[in-house]
Amino acid sequence: MTKIMPKKSVLCTILCTILCSCLVCFLGVSPQVNIIEKPVRAIELSAGSIDCGCSGQSACVMDVDTHRIFYAKNKDEKLPMASTTKVVTAITAIENYDDLDTRIPVDARSVGIEGSSIYLRKGETLSLRELLYGLMLRSGNDAATEIAYRVAGGISEFADMMNNLATKIGATNSHFVNPHGLDDPNHYTTAYDLALISAYALNNQDFANIVRTKTIKICEGEDNYRYLVNKNKLLYNMPDCIGVKTGYTKKSGRCLVSASERDNLRVVSVVLNCGPMFEESKAMLNAVQDKYQSVEIIEPYHYYKSVPVLNGAQKTVELYSREGLRLPLSKEERANISVECNLPESLDAPIENEKIVGDIKVYYGKRLIFSRNIYTMDNVDSKLLKDKVKDILDEWSI
């Protein structure tokens, strides 16, 4: 006996078949451009050059945002770095401590540490932020020790955190065993690594605010507050200077991490074992700022245009790229930059929001230095699909 399906079941089966076919046809035929998003970090420009250099043992001058190197001398030589260690101490503490402003008592083990000091007393209360000012302005070895105990519970535990941070950033030729930089054969860095870490740290607003501070009063409300004056002379005689940290021991010689900012160009300089560290760092920073400019090649979330949508519920869809590009370039280099934008003339509906439909490429000469996807800004339904379903329903309603 032949089983006869009800009219409604037949209708459902036909509708499902047609809808599936339409979906396969319309949703499956829009191949996406397969462009791999590269990380922004190392912009593939050749090393820059400036007309002055460093008489010290090692140096590295780097753009904060792209890590482009403008000057280098023995940049990968492993050397002691004295209190410039505290750049790593500060950013490690900031990233691993929830509350910078609650005051707690000073640990007895942090009192009386050799070398430069802010003269902590057992049991007095300071916030971590106040300790960081004491660390970076006055180079307090006692402040460094207290930070290590407060954040990690011990010196070696905190050193492990410092090393983990360095590895994460890519400073692979450094090793830290203490938070203050007192000499130890297993405590070393390179000019390049320290520049890399400093560039990373300068992107933290708490760190940036602290290291550019000239003077500050801490421990207000205590019996004897502390008035701190920054040891970094460049903050007082170089208008563009934004930090960062001095250092000295007999073994390491004079060391300095310095940074400047002018018209959106941020530059960090590291000199290790350099007698005239202030003078030469200032000359190198100024030379870079005079020769190079921060040039915005592509704006972040840049809108390109609206393109027609074929068979769409709306006539057009807008296209954009997400990530901008800003490069430190000399005048001569700017003339060699070109931008190529690959966009479709039209798109077929349906279209999904954030669909990859093209790309933008930046060239230096003939060499590709930057590539990013271009995306749609909206969903667009297929008008043709809607019309097919409507026609079927109209036919069955007769």
Protein backbone atom coordinates (compact mmCIF):
# COMPACT_ATOMS: atom_id res chain seq x y z
CA MET A 1 0.00 0.00 0.00
CA THR A 2 1.42 3.32 -1.02
CA LYS A 3 1.67 5.92 1.76
CA ILE A 4 0.55 9.39 0.71
CA MET A 5 2.22 12.32 2.47
CA PRO A 6 -0.01 15.18 3.63
CA LYS A 7 0.09 18.35 1.57
CA LYS A 8 1.77 20.29 4.41
CA SER A 9 4.57 17.70 4.71
CA VAL A 10 5.19 17.85 0.98
CA LEU A 11 5.30 21.62 1.21
CA CYS A 12 7.81 21.52 4.07
CA THR A 13 10.02 19.03 2.25
CA ILE A 14 10.06 21.10 -0.94
CA LEU A 15 10.70 24.31 0.96
CA CYS A 16 13.58 22.77 2.91
CA THR A 17 15.13 21.40 -0.27
CA ILE A 18 14.88 24.73 -2.05
CA LEU A 19 16.16 26.68 0.94
CA CYS A 20 19.15 24.36 1.38
CA SER A 21 19.99 24.64 -2.29
CA CYS A 22 19.73 28.41 -2.14
CA LEU A 23 21.89 28.58 0.96
CA VAL A 24 24.57 26.42 -0.63
CA CYS A 25 24.42 28.51 -3.75
CA PHE A 26 24.41 31.90 -2.15
CA LEU A 27 26.36 31.40 1.07
CA GLY A 28 29.00 29.07 -0.22
CA VAL A 29 30.33 30.81 -3.29
CA SER A 30 32.04 33.81 -1.72
CA PRO A 31 35.65 32.82 -1.17
CA GLN A 32 37.54 34.93 1.36
CA VAL A 33 40.90 36.46 0.56
CA ASN A 34 43.40 34.45 2.56
CA ILE A 35 45.74 37.06 4.04
CA ILE A 36 47.73 36.23 7.16
CA GLU A 37 47.85 39.03 9.72
CA LYS A 38 51.50 39.65 10.59
CA PRO A 39 52.39 41.07 14.01
CA VAL A 40 53.19 44.79 14.00
CA ARG A 41 56.36 44.63 16.02
CA ALA A 42 59.47 44.55 13.88
CA ILE A 43 58.93 46.90 10.98
CA GLU A 44 61.17 45.66 8.20
CA LEU A 45 63.07 48.84 7.50
CA SER A 46 66.83 48.95 7.44
CA ALA A 47 68.61 50.36 10.47
CA GLY A 48 68.60 54.12 10.62
CA SER A 49 71.71 56.23 10.98
CA ILE A 50 72.63 59.38 12.86
CA ASP A 51 75.68 61.59 12.66
CA CYS A 52 76.83 61.14 16.24
CA GLY A 53 77.64 58.10 18.34
CA CYS A 54 78.69 56.76 21.70
CA SER A 55 82.18 56.50 23.19
CA GLY A 56 80.97 53.95 25.72
CA GLN A 57 81.31 50.19 25.62
CA SER A 58 77.82 49.52 24.28
CA ALA A 59 74.82 51.50 23.02
CA CYS A 60 71.46 51.17 21.32
CA VAL A 61 69.04 53.89 20.20
CA MET A 62 65.58 52.57 19.31
CA ASP A 63 62.13 53.75 18.28
CA VAL A 64 59.73 52.94 21.12
CA ASP A 65 56.79 51.93 18.94
CA THR A 66 58.34 49.99 16.04
CA HIS A 67 61.67 48.98 17.62
CA ARG A 68 63.54 50.37 14.64
CA ILE A 69 67.21 50.84 15.57
CA PHE A 70 68.74 54.22 14.75
CA TYR A 71 72.18 53.59 16.22
CA ALA A 72 73.97 50.58 17.70
CA LYS A 73 77.37 49.80 19.10
CA ASN A 74 78.10 46.32 20.50
CA LYS A 75 74.38 46.14 21.15
CA ASP A 76 74.37 42.39 21.93
CA GLU A 77 77.37 42.36 24.29
CA LYS A 78 76.41 41.02 27.71
CA LEU A 79 77.36 43.59 30.36
CA PRO A 80 76.54 44.64 33.92
CA MET A 81 74.02 47.50 34.00
CA ALA A 82 73.92 48.68 37.63
CA SER A 83 70.72 50.50 38.63
CA THR A 84 69.30 50.62 35.12
CA THR A 85 68.15 47.17 36.28
CA LYS A 86 65.37 49.07 38.03
CA VAL A 87 63.60 49.64 34.72
CA VAL A 88 62.87 45.90 34.76
CA THR A 89 62.10 45.97 38.49
CA ALA A 90 59.54 48.74 38.09
CA ILE A 91 57.60 47.32 35.14
CA THR A 92 57.64 43.82 36.68
CA ALA A 93 56.17 45.18 39.91
CA ILE A 94 53.55 47.31 38.16
CA GLU A 95 52.32 44.38 36.08
CA ASN A 96 52.19 41.95 38.99
CA TYR A 97 50.64 43.99 41.80
CA ASP A 98 46.97 44.87 41.92
CA ASP A 99 46.91 47.96 44.15
CA LEU A 100 49.70 50.52 43.78
CA ASP A 101 48.28 52.90 46.39
CA THR A 102 47.47 50.93 49.56
CA ARG A 103 50.14 51.45 52.21
CA ILE A 104 51.55 48.50 54.14
CA PRO A 105 54.43 48.21 56.65
CA VAL A 106 58.03 47.92 55.46
CA ASP A 107 59.64 44.50 55.90
CA ALA A 108 62.65 44.48 58.23
CA ARG A 109 64.70 42.71 55.52
CA SER A 110 64.44 45.81 53.31
CA VAL A 111 66.17 48.13 55.78
CA GLY A 112 69.86 49.04 55.52
CA ILE A 113 70.56 47.71 52.03
CA GLU A 114 73.97 48.86 50.72
CA GLY A 115 74.29 51.56 48.10
CA SER A 116 71.83 54.33 47.25
CA SER A 117 68.85 54.46 49.57
CA ILE A 118 65.64 56.26 50.51
CA TYR A 119 66.33 55.17 54.13
CA LEU A 120 63.36 52.96 54.81
CA ARG A 121 62.51 52.19 58.42
CA LYS A 122 61.07 48.93 59.69
CA GLY A 123 57.29 49.13 60.10
CA GLU A 124 56.72 52.50 58.42
CA THR A 125 53.98 52.38 55.82
CA LEU A 126 54.48 53.13 52.13
CA SER A 127 52.45 52.28 49.06
CA LEU A 128 54.00 50.43 46.17
CA ARG A 129 53.62 53.59 44.08
CA GLU A 130 55.69 55.55 46.62
CA LEU A 131 58.31 52.82 46.58
CA LEU A 132 58.42 53.02 42.78
CA TYR A 133 59.10 56.76 42.97
CA GLY A 134 61.88 56.05 45.46
CA LEU A 135 63.18 53.35 43.13
CA MET A 136 63.22 55.37 39.90
CA LEU A 137 63.94 58.93 41.11
CA ARG A 138 66.47 58.26 43.89
CA SER A 139 67.52 54.74 42.86
CA GLY A 140 66.78 53.33 46.30
CA ASN A 141 68.20 49.84 46.69
CA ASP A 142 66.11 49.47 49.84
CA ALA A 143 63.01 50.41 47.81
CA ALA A 144 63.95 47.75 45.23
CA THR A 145 64.31 45.13 47.94
CA GLU A 146 61.00 46.05 49.57
CA ILE A 147 59.28 45.86 46.18
CA ALA A 148 60.65 42.35 45.64
CA TYR A 149 59.42 41.11 49.03
CA ARG A 150 56.06 42.81 48.63
CA VAL A 151 55.34 41.60 45.10
CA ALA A 152 56.89 38.11 45.09
CA GLY A 153 57.74 37.25 48.70
CA GLY A 154 61.48 37.03 48.08
CA ILE A 155 64.45 38.20 46.03
CA SER A 156 64.93 35.05 43.95
CA GLU A 157 61.19 34.73 43.34
CA PHE A 158 61.03 38.30 42.09
CA ALA A 159 64.12 37.76 39.91
CA ASP A 160 62.30 34.85 38.29
CA MET A 161 59.44 37.22 37.47
CA MET A 162 61.92 39.71 35.97
CA ASN A 163 63.45 36.99 33.80
CA ASN A 164 60.03 35.77 32.67
CA LEU A 165 59.09 39.29 31.63
CA ALA A 166 62.33 39.74 29.71
CA THR A 167 61.77 36.46 27.87
CA LYS A 168 58.21 37.45 27.01
CA ILE A 169 59.40 40.73 25.53
CA GLY A 170 62.19 39.07 23.54
CA ALA A 171 65.16 40.19 25.64
CA THR A 172 66.84 36.81 25.44
CA ASN A 173 70.43 37.85 26.27
CA SER A 174 69.65 39.11 29.76
CA HIS A 175 69.60 37.49 33.19
CA PHE A 176 68.60 39.05 36.50
CA VAL A 177 69.31 37.82 40.02
CA ASN A 178 68.32 40.90 42.04
CA PRO A 179 65.99 43.92 41.78
CA HIS A 180 68.54 46.69 42.39
CA GLY A 181 71.51 45.99 40.08
CA LEU A 182 74.31 45.49 42.60
CA ASP A 183 77.13 43.58 40.93
CA ASP A 184 76.76 39.85 40.42
CA PRO A 185 78.40 37.72 37.69
CA ASN A 186 75.01 36.24 36.79
CA HIS A 187 73.30 39.63 36.55
CA TYR A 188 73.66 41.15 33.07
CA THR A 189 71.90 42.54 30.03
CA THR A 190 72.70 44.04 26.62
CA ALA A 191 72.08 47.52 25.29
CA TYR A 192 69.57 46.08 22.83
CA ASP A 193 67.68 44.06 25.46
CA LEU A 194 67.51 47.00 27.84
CA ALA A 195 66.23 49.27 25.07
CA LEU A 196 63.60 46.67 24.18
CA ILE A 197 62.46 46.35 27.80
CA SER A 198 62.43 50.13 28.26
CA ALA A 199 60.36 50.61 25.11
CA TYR A 200 57.89 48.06 26.46
CA ALA A 201 57.77 49.74 29.86
CA LEU A 202 57.20 53.22 28.41
CA ASN A 203 53.90 51.99 27.00
CA ASN A 204 52.66 51.51 30.57
CA GLN A 205 51.16 54.78 31.77
CA ASP A 206 52.08 54.30 35.45
CA PHE A 207 55.70 53.63 34.53
CA ALA A 208 55.83 56.55 32.06
CA ASN A 209 54.40 58.97 34.65
CA ILE A 210 56.91 57.92 37.30
CA VAL A 211 60.09 58.08 35.21
CA ARG A 212 59.36 61.55 33.81
CA THR A 213 58.71 63.04 37.28
CA LYS A 214 61.35 65.56 38.36
CA THR A 215 60.38 65.99 42.01
CA ILE A 216 57.74 64.55 44.33
CA LYS A 217 56.85 64.39 48.01
CA ILE A 218 56.02 60.92 49.34
CA CYS A 219 55.03 59.57 52.77
CA GLU A 220 52.85 62.62 53.46
CA GLY A 221 51.24 62.16 56.85
CA GLU A 222 54.25 60.25 58.17
CA ASP A 223 56.50 61.79 60.85
CA ASN A 224 59.18 62.64 58.29
CA TYR A 225 58.03 62.76 54.67
CA ARG A 226 60.49 62.34 51.81
CA TYR A 227 61.08 64.93 49.09
CA LEU A 228 62.55 63.11 46.09
CA VAL A 229 64.57 64.76 43.31
CA ASN A 230 65.21 62.77 40.13
CA LYS A 231 68.88 62.00 39.42
CA ASN A 232 68.37 62.07 35.66
CA LYS A 233 69.94 65.40 34.57
CA LEU A 234 68.38 65.21 31.10
CA LEU A 235 64.96 65.89 32.59
CA TYR A 236 66.20 69.35 33.55
CA ASN A 237 68.22 70.37 30.47
CA MET A 238 66.45 68.60 27.61
CA PRO A 239 62.84 69.69 26.99
CA ASP A 240 61.91 66.53 25.07
CA CYS A 241 63.22 64.14 27.74
CA ILE A 242 60.67 61.71 29.26
CA GLY A 243 62.97 59.62 31.53
CA VAL A 244 64.24 57.01 32.29
CA LYS A 245 66.99 55.73 34.70
CA THR A 246 70.62 56.24 35.71
CA GLY A 247 73.05 53.61 37.02
CA TYR A 248 76.59 53.26 38.29
CA THR A 249 78.90 50.76 39.96
CA LYS A 250 82.67 50.47 39.65
CA LYS A 251 82.26 47.30 37.62
CA SER A 252 79.53 48.51 35.26
CA GLY A 253 80.70 52.09 34.85
CA ARG A 254 78.21 54.84 34.13
CA CYS A 255 74.99 53.58 32.55
CA LEU A 256 71.92 55.45 31.38
CA VAL A 257 68.55 54.66 29.88
CA SER A 258 67.06 57.87 28.49
CA ALA A 259 64.09 58.68 26.29
CA SER A 260 62.63 61.62 24.40
CA GLU A 261 59.36 62.45 22.70
CA ARG A 262 58.73 65.00 19.98
CA ASP A 263 55.76 65.17 17.59
CA ASN A 264 54.65 61.57 18.35
CA LEU A 265 58.16 60.17 17.85
CA ARG A 266 59.35 58.41 21.02
CA VAL A 267 62.97 57.30 21.13
CA VAL A 268 64.82 55.35 23.82
CA SER A 269 68.61 55.37 24.22
CA VAL A 270 70.76 52.95 26.25
CA VAL A 271 74.45 53.49 26.94
CA LEU A 272 76.48 51.07 29.08
CA ASN A 273 79.88 51.92 30.60
CA CYS A 274 79.86 55.39 29.10
CA GLY A 275 81.63 58.23 30.91
CA PRO A 276 79.83 61.20 29.30
CA MET A 277 76.51 59.34 29.44
CA PHE A 278 74.28 62.42 29.73
CA GLU A 279 76.01 64.41 27.03
CA GLU A 280 76.22 61.61 24.48
CA SER A 281 72.70 60.32 25.15
CA LYS A 282 71.30 63.81 24.68
CA ALA A 283 73.22 64.23 21.41
CA MET A 284 71.98 60.90 20.05
CA LEU A 285 68.36 61.51 21.02
CA ASN A 286 68.39 64.98 19.48
CA ALA A 287 70.05 63.67 16.32
CA VAL A 288 67.27 61.12 15.84
CA GLN A 289 64.51 63.63 16.57
CA ASP A 290 66.05 66.12 14.11
CA LYS A 291 66.40 63.61 11.27
CA TYR A 292 63.30 61.41 11.65
CA GLN A 293 59.59 62.02 11.96
CA SER A 294 56.74 59.76 13.02
CA VAL A 295 54.68 59.47 9.83
CA GLU A 296 51.15 58.05 9.85
CA ILE A 297 50.89 55.91 6.73
CA ILE A 298 47.50 54.38 7.55
CA GLU A 299 45.03 55.59 10.17
CA PRO A 300 43.71 52.98 12.66
CA TYR A 301 40.27 51.72 11.64
CA HIS A 302 40.57 53.49 8.32
CA TYR A 303 37.42 53.70 6.16
CA TYR A 304 38.00 53.10 2.45
CA LYS A 305 34.76 53.27 0.49
CA SER A 306 31.33 51.78 -0.05
CA VAL A 307 31.09 49.12 -2.76
CA PRO A 308 27.92 48.00 -4.58
CA VAL A 309 26.23 44.80 -3.38
CA LEU A 310 24.67 42.62 -6.06
CA ASN A 311 21.29 41.08 -5.15
CA GLY A 312 21.56 42.56 -1.68
CA ALA A 313 18.91 43.78 0.75
CA GLN A 314 20.93 47.01 0.79
CA LYS A 315 22.69 48.58 -2.16
CA THR A 316 26.19 49.07 -0.70
CA VAL A 317 28.48 47.91 2.09
CA GLU A 318 31.35 49.89 3.66
CA LEU A 319 34.93 48.58 3.87
CA TYR A 320 37.66 49.28 6.43
CA SER A 321 41.01 48.11 7.78
CA ARG A 322 41.60 47.73 11.51
CA GLU A 323 45.23 48.40 12.27
CA GLY A 324 47.02 51.62 11.46
CA LEU A 325 50.66 52.10 10.58
CA ARG A 326 52.97 54.83 11.83
CA LEU A 327 56.68 54.71 10.94
CA PRO A 328 59.74 56.71 11.96
CA LEU A 329 61.07 57.97 8.62
CA SER A 330 63.60 60.44 7.32
CA LYS A 331 62.60 62.85 4.57
CA GLU A 332 64.39 60.71 1.97
CA GLU A 333 62.69 57.54 3.20
CA ARG A 334 59.22 59.09 3.06
CA ALA A 335 59.64 59.55 -0.69
CA ASN A 336 60.16 55.77 -1.07
CA ILE A 337 56.94 54.75 0.70
CA SER A 338 54.01 53.63 -1.46
CA VAL A 339 50.60 52.20 -0.57
CA GLU A 340 48.69 49.63 -2.63
CA CYS A 341 45.01 49.03 -1.89
CA ASN A 342 43.27 45.98 -3.37
CA LEU A 343 39.48 46.32 -3.20
CA PRO A 344 36.62 44.59 -5.04
CA GLU A 345 34.51 46.56 -7.53
CA SER A 346 31.37 44.89 -6.13
CA LEU A 347 30.29 42.08 -3.80
CA ASP A 348 27.61 39.41 -4.05
CA ALA A 349 25.06 39.06 -1.26
CA PRO A 350 24.79 37.58 1.29
CA ILE A 351 27.72 39.25 3.07
CA GLU A 352 28.84 38.67 6.64
CA ASN A 353 30.13 41.46 8.87
CA GLU A 354 33.93 41.41 9.26
CA LYS A 355 34.35 39.39 6.07
CA ILE A 356 37.81 39.68 4.47
CA VAL A 357 37.38 41.16 0.99
CA GLY A 358 40.75 42.73 0.16
CA ASP A 359 44.03 43.98 1.51
CA ILE A 360 46.26 47.00 1.87
CA LYS A 361 50.01 46.78 1.36
CA VAL A 362 52.76 49.25 2.17
CA TYR A 363 56.04 49.11 0.24
CA TYR A 364 59.42 50.66 0.87
CA GLY A 365 60.74 50.85 -2.65
CA LYS A 366 59.82 47.43 -4.02
CA ARG A 367 59.98 45.68 -0.65
CA LEU A 368 56.74 44.82 1.17
CA ILE A 369 56.97 46.04 4.77
CA PHE A 370 53.34 45.90 5.93
CA SER A 371 50.20 44.01 4.89
CA ARG A 372 46.74 43.98 6.45
CA ASN A 373 43.28 42.71 5.55
CA ILE A 374 40.32 44.88 4.57
CA TYR A 375 36.93 43.94 6.03
CA THR A 376 33.23 44.60 5.52
CA MET A 377 31.50 46.75 8.12
CA ASP A 378 28.02 45.16 8.06
CA ASN A 379 25.88 42.11 7.34
CA VAL A 380 23.94 42.23 4.06
CA ASP A 381 21.17 39.70 3.39
CA SER A 382 20.46 38.41 -0.07
CA LYS A 383 17.42 40.00 -1.64
CA LEU A 384 17.38 37.27 -4.28
CA LEU A 385 17.08 34.54 -1.62
CA LYS A 386 14.16 36.35 -0.01
CA ASP A 387 12.43 36.73 -3.38
CA LYS A 388 12.74 32.99 -4.14
CA VAL A 389 11.15 31.99 -0.83
CA LYS A 390 8.41 34.58 -1.25
CA ASP A 391 7.57 33.30 -4.73
CA ILE A 392 7.28 29.71 -3.47
CA LEU A 393 4.99 30.74 -0.63
CA ASP A 394 2.86 32.83 -2.99
CA GLU A 395 2.52 29.87 -5.34
CA TRP A 396 1.33 27.50 -2.59
CA SER A 397 -1.17 30.06 -1.31
CA ILE A 398 -3.07 30.07 -4.65
